[in-house]
Amino acid sequence: MGDILNNLFRSEAEELQLLNRLSYVMIFMGIVTFVSLLFENVPYGRYSNTKYSFPINAKLAWFLQELPAFVVPLLIVVGMSGAKLSQLPNRLLLLMFFCHYAQRSLIYPFLIRGGKATPFTSFALAFVFCTINGYMQARYLSHYAEYPADWVVNSQFISGSMLWLVGFLINLHSDHILRNLRKPGETGYKVPVGGLFEYVSSANFFGEIIEWTGFALAGHSVQSAAFAFFTLVVLTSRAGAHHRWYLEKFEDYPKSRKAVIPFIY
């Protein structure tokens, strides 16, 4: 891995410039995605259809598309000399990233019950995003991110880390509720109840938004901020579509629920 990057870049300044540019591209793509989702839903899950190329098994698609966000950082951390890996803030931020994607790639896919097949186009886009984002976050934190010696006791790092943990737990709990909506052998969709689903239609998305917002606050970088922005745009748009779908499909759907942010949206 180190040899590959050494051959690609003439200097560390050149690679850091790329990491910054990738962040701005991610922000731009977030805006583009927001506009495109005004006209059509992301074609996976309940919105899957065959016009977006051939389908892939849901479990296999989730496993493969999320895996680069775990494997690429692992290769960077284990196989390369990370100038900043000895610093505690960098280690803790990398641990947050690894925790999420270890769960998302190595555990979550194998807990899926049923699930509609994922169109190859959606799978490929997710795979590319996870590869680029995994490289961007891990390389910046392991080699370039510089924090004050007391950053781990700074209020910004502490509050960001707590937000990340709360969001991570909300995401796990909400996924657990969704997985257990149907009894063995049952099919079709049901109204989720319990936890933050009492307040929003997409509590799992809310948890992930909180999670990466906290990561960006603790990380204090354009890389982490770009990821949080992209997550916010994509998941709020998809949550809005979910909310409208629930209201149309279920006549008794709780009218007091919001889409993704309790009491707001």
Protein backbone atom coordinates (compact mmCIF):
# COMPACT_ATOMS: atom_id res chain seq x y z
CA MET A 1 0.00 0.00 0.00
CA GLY A 2 2.79 2.37 0.90
CA ASP A 3 4.66 1.65 -2.33
CA ILE A 4 1.53 2.38 -4.36
CA LEU A 5 1.02 5.79 -2.74
CA ASN A 6 4.71 6.63 -2.97
CA ASN A 7 4.57 6.01 -6.71
CA LEU A 8 1.44 8.09 -7.11
CA PHE A 9 2.61 11.22 -5.28
CA ARG A 10 5.86 13.16 -5.56
CA SER A 11 5.47 14.62 -2.08
CA GLU A 12 3.29 14.60 1.02
CA ALA A 13 2.05 18.06 0.12
CA GLU A 14 0.72 16.69 -3.16
CA GLU A 15 -1.18 13.89 -1.40
CA LEU A 16 -2.58 16.28 1.21
CA GLN A 17 -3.79 18.51 -1.60
CA LEU A 18 -5.60 15.51 -3.10
CA LEU A 19 -7.20 14.67 0.25
CA ASN A 20 -8.49 18.24 0.49
CA ARG A 21 -9.76 18.20 -3.08
CA LEU A 22 -11.55 14.90 -2.52
CA SER A 23 -13.32 16.53 0.42
CA TYR A 24 -14.57 19.41 -1.72
CA VAL A 25 -15.66 16.96 -4.42
CA MET A 26 -17.64 15.04 -1.79
CA ILE A 27 -19.36 18.25 -0.69
CA PHE A 28 -20.17 19.06 -4.33
CA MET A 29 -21.50 15.53 -4.91
CA GLY A 30 -23.65 15.93 -1.82
CA ILE A 31 -25.28 18.97 -3.40
CA VAL A 32 -25.72 17.14 -6.72
CA THR A 33 -27.22 14.16 -4.90
CA PHE A 34 -29.63 16.39 -3.01
CA VAL A 35 -30.92 17.87 -6.28
CA SER A 36 -31.19 14.48 -8.01
CA LEU A 37 -33.10 12.96 -5.07
CA LEU A 38 -35.75 15.64 -5.51
CA PHE A 39 -36.77 13.81 -8.67
CA GLU A 40 -36.04 10.13 -7.98
CA ASN A 41 -35.30 7.92 -4.98
CA VAL A 42 -32.05 6.01 -4.58
CA PRO A 43 -32.91 2.71 -6.31
CA TYR A 44 -32.36 0.16 -3.55
CA GLY A 45 -34.47 -1.38 -0.80
CA ARG A 46 -38.17 -0.65 -1.22
CA TYR A 47 -37.40 1.51 -4.26
CA SER A 48 -35.44 -1.15 -6.16
CA ASN A 49 -36.31 -1.80 -9.79
CA THR A 50 -34.76 -3.63 -12.72
CA LYS A 51 -34.14 -0.60 -14.94
CA TYR A 52 -30.93 0.09 -13.00
CA SER A 53 -29.13 -3.04 -14.31
CA PHE A 54 -29.04 -6.54 -12.88
CA PRO A 55 -29.81 -7.19 -9.19
CA ILE A 56 -27.42 -8.45 -6.50
CA ASN A 57 -28.41 -10.35 -3.38
CA ALA A 58 -29.03 -7.85 -0.57
CA LYS A 59 -26.67 -9.47 1.96
CA LEU A 60 -23.88 -9.86 -0.57
CA ALA A 61 -24.30 -6.30 -1.83
CA TRP A 62 -24.19 -4.79 1.67
CA PHE A 63 -21.14 -6.85 2.61
CA LEU A 64 -19.13 -6.02 -0.52
CA GLN A 65 -20.08 -2.36 -0.85
CA GLU A 66 -19.29 -1.48 2.77
CA LEU A 67 -16.17 -3.63 3.07
CA PRO A 68 -13.73 -1.14 1.42
CA ALA A 69 -14.46 1.41 4.16
CA PHE A 70 -13.05 -1.13 6.62
CA VAL A 71 -10.34 -2.86 4.56
CA VAL A 72 -8.76 0.23 2.96
CA PRO A 73 -8.23 2.00 6.32
CA LEU A 74 -6.94 -1.28 7.78
CA LEU A 75 -4.35 -1.57 5.00
CA ILE A 76 -3.35 2.06 5.52
CA VAL A 77 -2.97 1.74 9.28
CA VAL A 78 -1.29 -1.68 9.34
CA GLY A 79 0.70 -1.56 6.11
CA MET A 80 2.01 2.00 6.09
CA SER A 81 4.07 4.26 8.30
CA GLY A 82 1.54 6.62 9.87
CA ALA A 83 3.31 9.71 11.13
CA LYS A 84 0.38 10.61 13.40
CA LEU A 85 -0.67 7.17 14.62
CA SER A 86 1.10 7.67 17.92
CA GLN A 87 -1.20 10.58 18.80
CA LEU A 88 -4.21 9.70 20.95
CA PRO A 89 -6.80 11.91 19.17
CA ASN A 90 -5.91 10.35 15.83
CA ARG A 91 -6.17 6.85 17.27
CA LEU A 92 -9.55 7.51 18.86
CA LEU A 93 -10.98 9.04 15.69
CA LEU A 94 -9.75 6.09 13.64
CA LEU A 95 -11.30 3.76 16.22
CA MET A 96 -14.67 5.47 15.75
CA PHE A 97 -14.44 4.97 11.99
CA PHE A 98 -13.36 1.33 12.34
CA CYS A 99 -16.13 0.54 14.86
CA HIS A 100 -18.84 1.77 12.53
CA TYR A 101 -17.59 -0.03 9.43
CA ALA A 102 -16.65 -3.23 11.21
CA GLN A 103 -20.27 -3.43 12.31
CA ARG A 104 -21.59 -2.26 8.92
CA SER A 105 -19.55 -4.64 6.79
CA LEU A 106 -18.84 -7.68 8.97
CA ILE A 107 -21.97 -7.90 11.15
CA TYR A 108 -24.94 -5.97 9.74
CA PRO A 109 -25.17 -7.72 6.33
CA PHE A 110 -25.45 -11.14 7.95
CA LEU A 111 -28.29 -10.02 10.20
CA ILE A 112 -30.45 -8.91 7.27
CA ARG A 113 -33.69 -10.89 7.05
CA GLY A 114 -34.81 -11.13 3.47
CA GLY A 115 -34.33 -7.75 1.84
CA LYS A 116 -34.84 -6.77 -1.78
CA ALA A 117 -31.98 -7.26 -4.20
CA THR A 118 -29.75 -4.25 -4.86
CA PRO A 119 -29.32 -2.98 -8.44
CA PHE A 120 -25.70 -3.23 -9.59
CA THR A 121 -25.53 0.52 -10.29
CA SER A 122 -26.41 1.40 -6.69
CA PHE A 123 -23.99 -1.23 -5.42
CA ALA A 124 -21.16 0.07 -7.60
CA LEU A 125 -21.68 3.70 -6.53
CA ALA A 126 -21.68 2.70 -2.86
CA PHE A 127 -18.54 0.59 -3.36
CA VAL A 128 -16.67 3.50 -4.98
CA PHE A 129 -17.82 5.93 -2.26
CA CYS A 130 -16.71 3.62 0.57
CA THR A 131 -13.34 3.06 -1.11
CA ILE A 132 -12.64 6.77 -1.58
CA ASN A 133 -13.99 7.80 1.81
CA GLY A 134 -12.09 5.02 3.58
CA TYR A 135 -8.85 6.20 2.01
CA MET A 136 -9.61 9.87 2.64
CA GLN A 137 -10.48 9.55 6.33
CA ALA A 138 -7.84 6.97 7.28
CA ARG A 139 -4.94 8.50 5.37
CA TYR A 140 -5.64 11.99 6.71
CA LEU A 141 -5.95 10.82 10.31
CA SER A 142 -2.98 8.47 10.22
CA HIS A 143 -0.53 10.70 8.40
CA TYR A 144 -1.57 14.36 8.31
CA ALA A 145 -4.04 15.36 11.04
CA GLU A 146 -2.36 17.49 13.68
CA TYR A 147 -4.13 18.20 16.97
CA PRO A 148 -3.12 20.10 20.10
CA ALA A 149 -1.63 17.97 22.87
CA ASP A 150 -4.74 18.50 25.02
CA TRP A 151 -7.28 17.91 22.23
CA VAL A 152 -8.80 14.82 23.89
CA VAL A 153 -9.87 16.93 26.88
CA ASN A 154 -11.08 19.80 24.72
CA SER A 155 -14.84 20.38 24.96
CA GLN A 156 -15.20 20.08 21.17
CA PHE A 157 -13.57 16.65 21.08
CA ILE A 158 -15.48 15.40 24.12
CA SER A 159 -18.88 16.62 22.88
CA GLY A 160 -18.17 15.29 19.38
CA SER A 161 -17.12 11.90 20.73
CA MET A 162 -20.23 11.67 22.91
CA LEU A 163 -22.43 12.57 19.92
CA TRP A 164 -20.70 9.86 17.90
CA LEU A 165 -21.35 7.26 20.60
CA VAL A 166 -25.00 8.27 21.04
CA GLY A 167 -25.56 8.17 17.28
CA PHE A 168 -23.83 4.80 16.97
CA LEU A 169 -26.04 3.29 19.68
CA ILE A 170 -29.21 4.82 18.20
CA ASN A 171 -28.28 3.35 14.83
CA LEU A 172 -27.69 -0.13 16.29
CA HIS A 173 -30.90 -0.08 18.34
CA SER A 174 -33.00 1.18 15.44
CA ASP A 175 -31.63 -1.49 13.09
CA HIS A 176 -32.51 -4.08 15.75
CA ILE A 177 -36.11 -2.82 15.83
CA LEU A 178 -36.39 -2.90 12.03
CA ARG A 179 -35.02 -6.45 11.83
CA ASN A 180 -37.58 -7.72 14.33
CA LEU A 181 -40.69 -6.09 12.86
CA ARG A 182 -41.66 -9.28 11.06
CA LYS A 183 -41.99 -12.71 12.58
CA PRO A 184 -40.27 -15.66 10.84
CA GLY A 185 -42.09 -16.37 7.59
CA GLU A 186 -43.87 -13.01 7.43
CA THR A 187 -43.47 -10.71 4.44
CA GLY A 188 -44.38 -7.13 3.64
CA TYR A 189 -43.73 -3.88 5.46
CA LYS A 190 -44.86 -2.89 8.94
CA VAL A 191 -44.87 0.37 10.87
CA PRO A 192 -41.79 0.49 13.13
CA VAL A 193 -42.49 1.20 16.80
CA GLY A 194 -40.32 1.71 19.85
CA GLY A 195 -37.20 3.73 20.51
CA LEU A 196 -36.87 6.89 18.46
CA PHE A 197 -39.30 5.47 15.90
CA GLU A 198 -41.96 6.95 18.16
CA TYR A 199 -40.74 10.36 16.99
CA VAL A 200 -39.35 9.85 13.47
CA SER A 201 -39.86 7.49 10.55
CA SER A 202 -36.14 6.86 10.05
CA ALA A 203 -34.56 6.58 13.48
CA ASN A 204 -31.71 4.52 12.02
CA PHE A 205 -30.82 7.38 9.67
CA PHE A 206 -31.09 9.89 12.51
CA GLY A 207 -28.58 7.86 14.49
CA GLU A 208 -26.11 7.78 11.62
CA ILE A 209 -26.47 11.52 11.01
CA ILE A 210 -25.76 12.21 14.69
CA GLU A 211 -22.86 9.76 14.58
CA TRP A 212 -20.97 11.44 11.73
CA THR A 213 -21.84 14.93 12.90
CA GLY A 214 -20.11 14.05 16.17
CA PHE A 215 -17.19 12.57 14.24
CA ALA A 216 -16.83 15.80 12.26
CA LEU A 217 -16.99 17.90 15.43
CA ALA A 218 -14.31 15.79 17.13
CA GLY A 219 -12.19 15.49 13.98
CA HIS A 220 -12.24 19.21 13.16
CA SER A 221 -11.21 18.72 9.51
CA VAL A 222 -12.61 19.33 6.06
CA GLN A 223 -12.42 15.56 5.47
CA SER A 224 -14.69 14.66 8.38
CA ALA A 225 -16.99 17.63 7.69
CA ALA A 226 -17.42 16.60 4.04
CA PHE A 227 -18.39 13.08 5.09
CA ALA A 228 -20.89 14.40 7.65
CA PHE A 229 -22.40 16.77 5.07
CA PHE A 230 -22.77 14.02 2.47
CA THR A 231 -24.36 11.71 5.04
CA LEU A 232 -26.79 14.43 6.12
CA VAL A 233 -27.88 15.19 2.57
CA VAL A 234 -28.34 11.59 1.43
CA LEU A 235 -30.04 10.29 4.56
CA THR A 236 -32.40 13.25 5.09
CA SER A 237 -33.49 12.94 1.45
CA ARG A 238 -34.07 9.21 1.78
CA ALA A 239 -35.80 9.66 5.13
CA GLY A 240 -38.18 12.15 3.55
CA ALA A 241 -39.05 9.59 0.86
CA HIS A 242 -39.58 6.90 3.52
CA HIS A 243 -41.85 9.21 5.51
CA ARG A 244 -44.04 10.02 2.51
CA TRP A 245 -44.17 6.32 1.62
CA TYR A 246 -45.35 5.37 5.13
CA LEU A 247 -48.03 8.07 5.09
CA GLU A 248 -49.34 6.86 1.72
CA LYS A 249 -49.23 3.13 2.55
CA PHE A 250 -50.61 3.17 6.10
CA GLU A 251 -53.79 5.17 6.77
CA ASP A 252 -53.25 5.01 10.53
CA TYR A 253 -49.60 6.05 10.38
CA PRO A 254 -48.85 8.41 13.34
CA LYS A 255 -49.24 11.95 12.02
CA SER A 256 -47.10 13.39 14.82
CA ARG A 257 -43.95 11.65 13.59
CA LYS A 258 -41.37 13.60 11.65
CA ALA A 259 -39.20 12.17 8.88
CA VAL A 260 -35.78 12.02 10.54
CA ILE A 261 -35.12 14.84 13.03
CA PRO A 262 -37.43 14.69 16.07
CA PHE A 263 -39.91 17.61 16.29
CA ILE A 264 -38.26 19.39 13.32
CA TYR A 265 -38.27 17.44 10.03
